[in-house]
Amino acid sequence: MGGQTLLERVAGSLEHFEPRLLVAPAGKYVQDGWQQLSDTRPGEGPLAGLETALRAAPPGWLAFSAVDLPFLTRAYWARLADAVQPDVQAVYGLDVRGRRQPLAALYHTSALPAVTALLDAGERRMLTLLDTLPGVALDWAQLQAFGERLYQNFNTPDSAGV
């Protein structure tokens, strides 16, 4: 897209954040400056990927994104970071319809026990995690200035609309 892979676009939006952890099957993706982590629960979805990243991250906040959200921007991530408050474990946005967006969010490493407990209980839904964590949700009015297509997800070239 625009001469970049989806991974390059998402990684570019996160270039000011540390640590830079890439959770994927070994050898599937490579991104300069990013530490490759193999999923500790392969095939169990993004919640398992978050668990892997939270385990590897130093204590503090972690920006977590799906690779198929290429319209995220540095300004978007900065706005989420500005919303961090004491005693919360997640900061995320709501789309134009008010739906929570857990795949473009900040998570505190203290959320790891909750993530692990959900996975051990057979739960795989990221939204269930948001139900269990104290969090801050930014509504669309606070985010739309960063792009009308922020949360446009696509898995095929046809769904990009570009």
C-alpha atoms as a PDB file:
ATOM      1  CA  MET A   1       0.000   0.000   0.000  1.00  0.00           C
ATOM      2  CA  GLY A   2       1.641   3.228  -1.122  1.00  0.00           C
ATOM      3  CA  GLY A   3       4.875   1.305  -1.687  1.00  0.00           C
ATOM      4  CA  GLN A   4       4.917  -0.102   1.857  1.00  0.00           C
ATOM      5  CA  THR A   5       3.835  -3.354   3.410  1.00  0.00           C
ATOM      6  CA  LEU A   6       1.081  -3.255   5.999  1.00  0.00           C
ATOM      7  CA  LEU A   7       3.689  -4.111   8.620  1.00  0.00           C
ATOM      8  CA  GLU A   8       5.879  -1.166   7.566  1.00  0.00           C
ATOM      9  CA  ARG A   9       2.920   1.191   7.831  1.00  0.00           C
ATOM     10  CA  VAL A  10       1.899   0.008  11.295  1.00  0.00           C
ATOM     11  CA  ALA A  11       5.523  -0.063  12.490  1.00  0.00           C
ATOM     12  CA  GLY A  12       5.981   3.489  11.214  1.00  0.00           C
ATOM     13  CA  SER A  13       3.047   4.684  13.300  1.00  0.00           C
ATOM     14  CA  LEU A  14       4.742   3.181  16.358  1.00  0.00           C
ATOM     15  CA  GLU A  15       8.301   4.349  15.685  1.00  0.00           C
ATOM     16  CA  HIS A  16       8.419   6.537  18.814  1.00  0.00           C
ATOM     17  CA  PHE A  17       7.409   3.732  21.178  1.00  0.00           C
ATOM     18  CA  GLU A  18       9.562   1.187  22.971  1.00  0.00           C
ATOM     19  CA  PRO A  19       9.854  -1.724  23.230  1.00  0.00           C
ATOM     20  CA  ARG A  20       9.434  -2.767  19.612  1.00  0.00           C
ATOM     21  CA  LEU A  21       8.163  -6.326  19.760  1.00  0.00           C
ATOM     22  CA  LEU A  22       6.866  -8.213  16.753  1.00  0.00           C
ATOM     23  CA  VAL A  23       4.790 -11.260  17.673  1.00  0.00           C
ATOM     24  CA  ALA A  24       4.386 -13.660  14.777  1.00  0.00           C
ATOM     25  CA  PRO A  25       5.274 -17.182  13.735  1.00  0.00           C
ATOM     26  CA  ALA A  26       9.037 -17.497  13.359  1.00  0.00           C
ATOM     27  CA  GLY A  27      10.170 -16.118  10.004  1.00  0.00           C
ATOM     28  CA  LYS A  28       6.742 -14.887   8.898  1.00  0.00           C
ATOM     29  CA  TYR A  29       7.521 -11.186   9.288  1.00  0.00           C
ATOM     30  CA  VAL A  30      10.755  -9.261   9.644  1.00  0.00           C
ATOM     31  CA  GLN A  31      11.003  -5.579  10.491  1.00  0.00           C
ATOM     32  CA  ASP A  32      14.294  -3.773  11.047  1.00  0.00           C
ATOM     33  CA  GLY A  33      14.654  -2.519  14.597  1.00  0.00           C
ATOM     34  CA  TRP A  34      11.977  -4.848  15.961  1.00  0.00           C
ATOM     35  CA  GLN A  35      12.545  -7.869  18.194  1.00  0.00           C
ATOM     36  CA  GLN A  36      10.893 -10.982  16.774  1.00  0.00           C
ATOM     37  CA  LEU A  37       8.899 -13.030  19.289  1.00  0.00           C
ATOM     38  CA  SER A  38       7.303 -16.358  18.519  1.00  0.00           C
ATOM     39  CA  ASP A  39       3.746 -16.667  19.740  1.00  0.00           C
ATOM     40  CA  THR A  40       3.738 -18.769  22.912  1.00  0.00           C
ATOM     41  CA  ARG A  41       0.233 -20.029  22.054  1.00  0.00           C
ATOM     42  CA  PRO A  42       0.306 -20.347  18.259  1.00  0.00           C
ATOM     43  CA  GLY A  43      -3.029 -20.119  16.494  1.00  0.00           C
ATOM     44  CA  GLU A  44      -4.885 -18.773  19.523  1.00  0.00           C
ATOM     45  CA  GLY A  45      -5.373 -15.247  18.220  1.00  0.00           C
ATOM     46  CA  PRO A  46      -4.482 -11.722  19.252  1.00  0.00           C
ATOM     47  CA  LEU A  47      -5.100 -12.261  22.966  1.00  0.00           C
ATOM     48  CA  ALA A  48      -2.340 -14.875  22.942  1.00  0.00           C
ATOM     49  CA  GLY A  49      -0.116 -12.467  21.001  1.00  0.00           C
ATOM     50  CA  LEU A  50      -0.733  -9.828  23.641  1.00  0.00           C
ATOM     51  CA  GLU A  51       0.242 -12.309  26.345  1.00  0.00           C
ATOM     52  CA  THR A  52       3.528 -12.995  24.543  1.00  0.00           C
ATOM     53  CA  ALA A  53       4.279  -9.283  24.209  1.00  0.00           C
ATOM     54  CA  LEU A  54       3.360  -8.439  27.818  1.00  0.00           C
ATOM     55  CA  ARG A  55       5.637 -11.223  29.075  1.00  0.00           C
ATOM     56  CA  ALA A  56       8.579  -9.879  27.074  1.00  0.00           C
ATOM     57  CA  ALA A  57       8.046  -6.171  27.772  1.00  0.00           C
ATOM     58  CA  PRO A  58       9.678  -4.304  30.633  1.00  0.00           C
ATOM     59  CA  PRO A  59       7.226  -3.020  33.272  1.00  0.00           C
ATOM     60  CA  GLY A  60       5.059  -0.216  31.931  1.00  0.00           C
ATOM     61  CA  TRP A  61       2.880   0.521  28.928  1.00  0.00           C
ATOM     62  CA  LEU A  62       2.856  -1.372  25.646  1.00  0.00           C
ATOM     63  CA  ALA A  63       1.300  -0.206  22.368  1.00  0.00           C
ATOM     64  CA  PHE A  64      -0.440  -3.182  20.754  1.00  0.00           C
ATOM     65  CA  SER A  65      -1.644  -3.240  17.158  1.00  0.00           C
ATOM     66  CA  ALA A  66      -2.829  -5.667  14.554  1.00  0.00           C
ATOM     67  CA  VAL A  67      -0.810  -5.635  11.351  1.00  0.00           C
ATOM     68  CA  ASP A  68      -3.892  -5.031   9.209  1.00  0.00           C
ATOM     69  CA  LEU A  69      -4.665  -1.523  10.531  1.00  0.00           C
ATOM     70  CA  PRO A  70      -2.518   0.550   8.140  1.00  0.00           C
ATOM     71  CA  PHE A  71      -4.172   3.922   8.780  1.00  0.00           C
ATOM     72  CA  LEU A  72      -3.028   4.315  12.381  1.00  0.00           C
ATOM     73  CA  THR A  73      -0.782   7.338  12.894  1.00  0.00           C
ATOM     74  CA  ARG A  74       1.867   8.539  15.333  1.00  0.00           C
ATOM     75  CA  ALA A  75      -0.589  11.238  16.455  1.00  0.00           C
ATOM     76  CA  TYR A  76      -3.208   8.592  17.245  1.00  0.00           C
ATOM     77  CA  TRP A  77      -0.796   6.678  19.479  1.00  0.00           C
ATOM     78  CA  ALA A  78       0.318   9.911  21.147  1.00  0.00           C
ATOM     79  CA  ARG A  79      -3.317  10.749  21.935  1.00  0.00           C
ATOM     80  CA  LEU A  80      -3.798   7.358  23.564  1.00  0.00           C
ATOM     81  CA  ALA A  81      -0.608   7.872  25.579  1.00  0.00           C
ATOM     82  CA  ASP A  82      -1.896  11.256  26.744  1.00  0.00           C
ATOM     83  CA  ALA A  83      -4.991   9.503  28.132  1.00  0.00           C
ATOM     84  CA  VAL A  84      -3.055   7.166  30.436  1.00  0.00           C
ATOM     85  CA  GLN A  85      -4.218   7.485  34.035  1.00  0.00           C
ATOM     86  CA  PRO A  86      -3.110   5.911  37.299  1.00  0.00           C
ATOM     87  CA  ASP A  87      -4.757   2.596  38.120  1.00  0.00           C
ATOM     88  CA  VAL A  88      -5.824   1.753  34.556  1.00  0.00           C
ATOM     89  CA  GLN A  89      -4.520  -1.136  32.501  1.00  0.00           C
ATOM     90  CA  ALA A  90      -5.897  -0.331  29.047  1.00  0.00           C
ATOM     91  CA  VAL A  91      -6.382   2.762  26.918  1.00  0.00           C
ATOM     92  CA  TYR A  92      -8.302   2.312  23.680  1.00  0.00           C
ATOM     93  CA  GLY A  93     -10.502   4.117  21.222  1.00  0.00           C
ATOM     94  CA  LEU A  94     -14.090   3.791  20.152  1.00  0.00           C
ATOM     95  CA  ASP A  95     -14.907   3.860  16.465  1.00  0.00           C
ATOM     96  CA  VAL A  96     -17.590   6.009  14.845  1.00  0.00           C
ATOM     97  CA  ARG A  97     -20.239   3.451  15.918  1.00  0.00           C
ATOM     98  CA  GLY A  98     -18.999   3.386  19.519  1.00  0.00           C
ATOM     99  CA  ARG A  99     -17.349  -0.041  19.221  1.00  0.00           C
ATOM    100  CA  ARG A 100     -14.222  -0.638  21.292  1.00  0.00           C
ATOM    101  CA  GLN A 101     -11.021  -1.156  19.333  1.00  0.00           C
ATOM    102  CA  PRO A 102      -8.775  -3.521  21.324  1.00  0.00           C
ATOM    103  CA  LEU A 103      -6.342  -4.159  18.452  1.00  0.00           C
ATOM    104  CA  ALA A 104      -5.067  -0.576  18.423  1.00  0.00           C
ATOM    105  CA  ALA A 105      -4.653   0.058  22.134  1.00  0.00           C
ATOM    106  CA  LEU A 106      -2.248   0.556  24.999  1.00  0.00           C
ATOM    107  CA  TYR A 107      -1.964  -2.132  27.664  1.00  0.00           C
ATOM    108  CA  HIS A 108      -0.067  -2.013  30.938  1.00  0.00           C
ATOM    109  CA  THR A 109       2.147  -4.974  31.717  1.00  0.00           C
ATOM    110  CA  SER A 110       0.227  -5.394  34.986  1.00  0.00           C
ATOM    111  CA  ALA A 111      -2.633  -6.747  32.833  1.00  0.00           C
ATOM    112  CA  LEU A 112      -0.648  -9.936  32.130  1.00  0.00           C
ATOM    113  CA  PRO A 113      -2.301 -12.053  34.870  1.00  0.00           C
ATOM    114  CA  ALA A 114      -5.769 -11.173  33.541  1.00  0.00           C
ATOM    115  CA  VAL A 115      -4.728 -12.050  29.983  1.00  0.00           C
ATOM    116  CA  THR A 116      -3.237 -15.372  31.069  1.00  0.00           C
ATOM    117  CA  ALA A 117      -6.288 -16.243  33.189  1.00  0.00           C
ATOM    118  CA  LEU A 118      -8.627 -15.638  30.242  1.00  0.00           C
ATOM    119  CA  LEU A 119      -6.513 -17.751  27.901  1.00  0.00           C
ATOM    120  CA  ASP A 120      -6.195 -20.547  30.470  1.00  0.00           C
ATOM    121  CA  ALA A 121     -10.006 -20.521  30.785  1.00  0.00           C
ATOM    122  CA  GLY A 122     -10.367 -20.937  27.004  1.00  0.00           C
ATOM    123  CA  GLU A 123     -11.320 -17.316  26.276  1.00  0.00           C
ATOM    124  CA  ARG A 124      -9.856 -15.771  23.115  1.00  0.00           C
ATOM    125  CA  ARG A 125     -11.824 -12.536  22.661  1.00  0.00           C
ATOM    126  CA  MET A 126      -9.962  -9.267  23.130  1.00  0.00           C
ATOM    127  CA  LEU A 127     -13.235  -7.524  24.004  1.00  0.00           C
ATOM    128  CA  THR A 128     -13.634  -9.856  26.966  1.00  0.00           C
ATOM    129  CA  LEU A 129     -10.262  -8.644  28.183  1.00  0.00           C
ATOM    130  CA  LEU A 130     -11.463  -5.042  27.986  1.00  0.00           C
ATOM    131  CA  ASP A 131     -14.487  -6.070  30.062  1.00  0.00           C
ATOM    132  CA  THR A 132     -12.151  -7.235  32.841  1.00  0.00           C
ATOM    133  CA  LEU A 133      -9.571  -4.434  32.891  1.00  0.00           C
ATOM    134  CA  PRO A 134      -9.876  -0.954  34.327  1.00  0.00           C
ATOM    135  CA  GLY A 135      -9.512   1.225  31.271  1.00  0.00           C
ATOM    136  CA  VAL A 136      -9.954   4.531  29.533  1.00  0.00           C
ATOM    137  CA  ALA A 137     -11.975   4.700  26.330  1.00  0.00           C
ATOM    138  CA  LEU A 138     -11.577   7.656  23.986  1.00  0.00           C
ATOM    139  CA  ASP A 139     -14.669   8.337  21.934  1.00  0.00           C
ATOM    140  CA  TRP A 140     -14.599   8.932  18.204  1.00  0.00           C
ATOM    141  CA  ALA A 141     -14.927  12.702  18.601  1.00  0.00           C
ATOM    142  CA  GLN A 142     -11.536  12.680  20.347  1.00  0.00           C
ATOM    143  CA  LEU A 143      -9.906  10.575  17.621  1.00  0.00           C
ATOM    144  CA  GLN A 144     -11.445  11.363  14.244  1.00  0.00           C
ATOM    145  CA  ALA A 145      -9.000  14.227  13.635  1.00  0.00           C
ATOM    146  CA  PHE A 146      -6.306  11.563  13.237  1.00  0.00           C
ATOM    147  CA  GLY A 147      -8.024  10.059  10.208  1.00  0.00           C
ATOM    148  CA  GLU A 148     -11.470   8.911   9.169  1.00  0.00           C
ATOM    149  CA  ARG A 149     -10.016   5.499   8.274  1.00  0.00           C
ATOM    150  CA  LEU A 150      -8.097   4.892  11.523  1.00  0.00           C
ATOM    151  CA  TYR A 151      -9.744   1.580  12.244  1.00  0.00           C
ATOM    152  CA  GLN A 152     -10.241   0.394   8.683  1.00  0.00           C
ATOM    153  CA  ASN A 153      -9.079  -3.170   8.811  1.00  0.00           C
ATOM    154  CA  PHE A 154      -8.230  -5.131   5.720  1.00  0.00           C
ATOM    155  CA  ASN A 155      -6.924  -8.560   5.035  1.00  0.00           C
ATOM    156  CA  THR A 156      -7.003  -8.452   1.240  1.00  0.00           C
ATOM    157  CA  PRO A 157      -5.955  -5.818  -1.317  1.00  0.00           C
ATOM    158  CA  ASP A 158      -9.625  -5.381  -2.342  1.00  0.00           C
ATOM    159  CA  SER A 159     -10.685  -4.332   1.150  1.00  0.00           C
ATOM    160  CA  ALA A 160      -8.175  -1.444   1.223  1.00  0.00           C
ATOM    161  CA  GLY A 161     -10.145   0.742  -1.142  1.00  0.00           C
ATOM    162  CA  VAL A 162      -6.867   2.236  -2.346  1.00  0.00           C
END
